[in-house]
């Protein structure tokens, strides 16, 4: 599941560098990738945007 979430993120961020997506994309990928296994054993993957309650990130 860790590998699936890393492959779902189509950008480079932190220790997750991808040569096919070498740059960060704050507008699209400032989110958490969540996974769970369905009853039939298939992973379900979805994104939830990060909610900032105190500080706002500097988007470039």
Protein backbone atom coordinates (compact mmCIF):
# COMPACT_ATOMS: atom_id res chain seq x y z
CA UNK A 1 0.00 0.00 0.00
CA UNK A 2 2.90 2.33 0.66
CA UNK A 3 4.18 1.83 -2.88
CA UNK A 4 0.72 2.39 -4.33
CA UNK A 5 0.34 5.71 -2.51
CA UNK A 6 3.83 6.79 -3.63
CA UNK A 7 2.95 5.98 -7.25
CA UNK A 8 -0.37 7.82 -6.95
CA UNK A 9 1.45 11.08 -6.11
CA UNK A 10 2.45 12.55 -9.47
CA UNK A 11 5.09 14.95 -8.17
CA UNK A 12 8.31 14.95 -6.15
CA UNK A 13 8.05 15.88 -2.47
CA UNK A 14 10.44 15.27 0.39
CA UNK A 15 11.96 11.82 0.21
CA UNK A 16 9.59 10.83 -2.61
CA UNK A 17 11.52 11.88 -5.71
CA UNK A 18 10.16 10.83 -9.08
CA UNK A 19 12.22 11.35 -12.22
CA UNK A 20 9.01 11.41 -14.30
CA UNK A 21 7.58 14.19 -12.07
CA UNK A 22 10.67 16.06 -10.78
CA UNK A 23 8.88 19.18 -9.48
CA UNK A 24 6.49 19.89 -6.63
CA UNK A 25 2.93 20.81 -7.54
CA UNK A 26 1.39 22.60 -4.56
CA UNK A 27 -1.87 23.45 -6.32
CA UNK A 28 -2.66 19.83 -7.16
CA UNK A 29 -0.81 17.79 -4.54
CA UNK A 30 -0.97 19.66 -1.24
CA UNK A 31 -3.03 16.75 0.05
CA UNK A 32 -2.90 13.50 1.96
CA UNK A 33 -3.23 10.27 0.02
CA UNK A 34 -5.40 7.84 1.95
CA UNK A 35 -5.75 4.11 1.39
CA UNK A 36 -7.82 1.30 2.76
CA UNK A 37 -8.34 -2.27 1.78
CA UNK A 38 -11.86 -3.11 0.64
CA UNK A 39 -13.53 -6.33 1.84
CA UNK A 40 -12.58 -8.04 -1.43
CA UNK A 41 -8.91 -7.15 -0.91
CA UNK A 42 -8.65 -4.35 -3.46
CA UNK A 43 -6.99 -1.14 -2.23
CA UNK A 44 -9.12 2.00 -2.38
CA UNK A 45 -7.11 5.22 -2.86
CA UNK A 46 -8.35 8.80 -2.50
CA UNK A 47 -6.97 12.26 -1.75
CA UNK A 48 -8.01 14.76 0.91
CA UNK A 49 -6.76 18.31 0.73
CA UNK A 50 -4.79 19.51 3.75
CA UNK A 51 -6.78 21.94 5.89
CA UNK A 52 -4.71 24.78 7.29
CA UNK A 53 -6.30 26.30 10.38
CA UNK A 54 -3.46 28.55 11.59
CA UNK A 55 -0.86 29.03 8.89
CA UNK A 56 -1.22 29.21 5.13
CA UNK A 57 1.50 27.77 2.90
CA UNK A 58 3.37 29.92 0.43
CA UNK A 59 2.40 28.60 -2.97
CA UNK A 60 4.92 29.20 -5.72
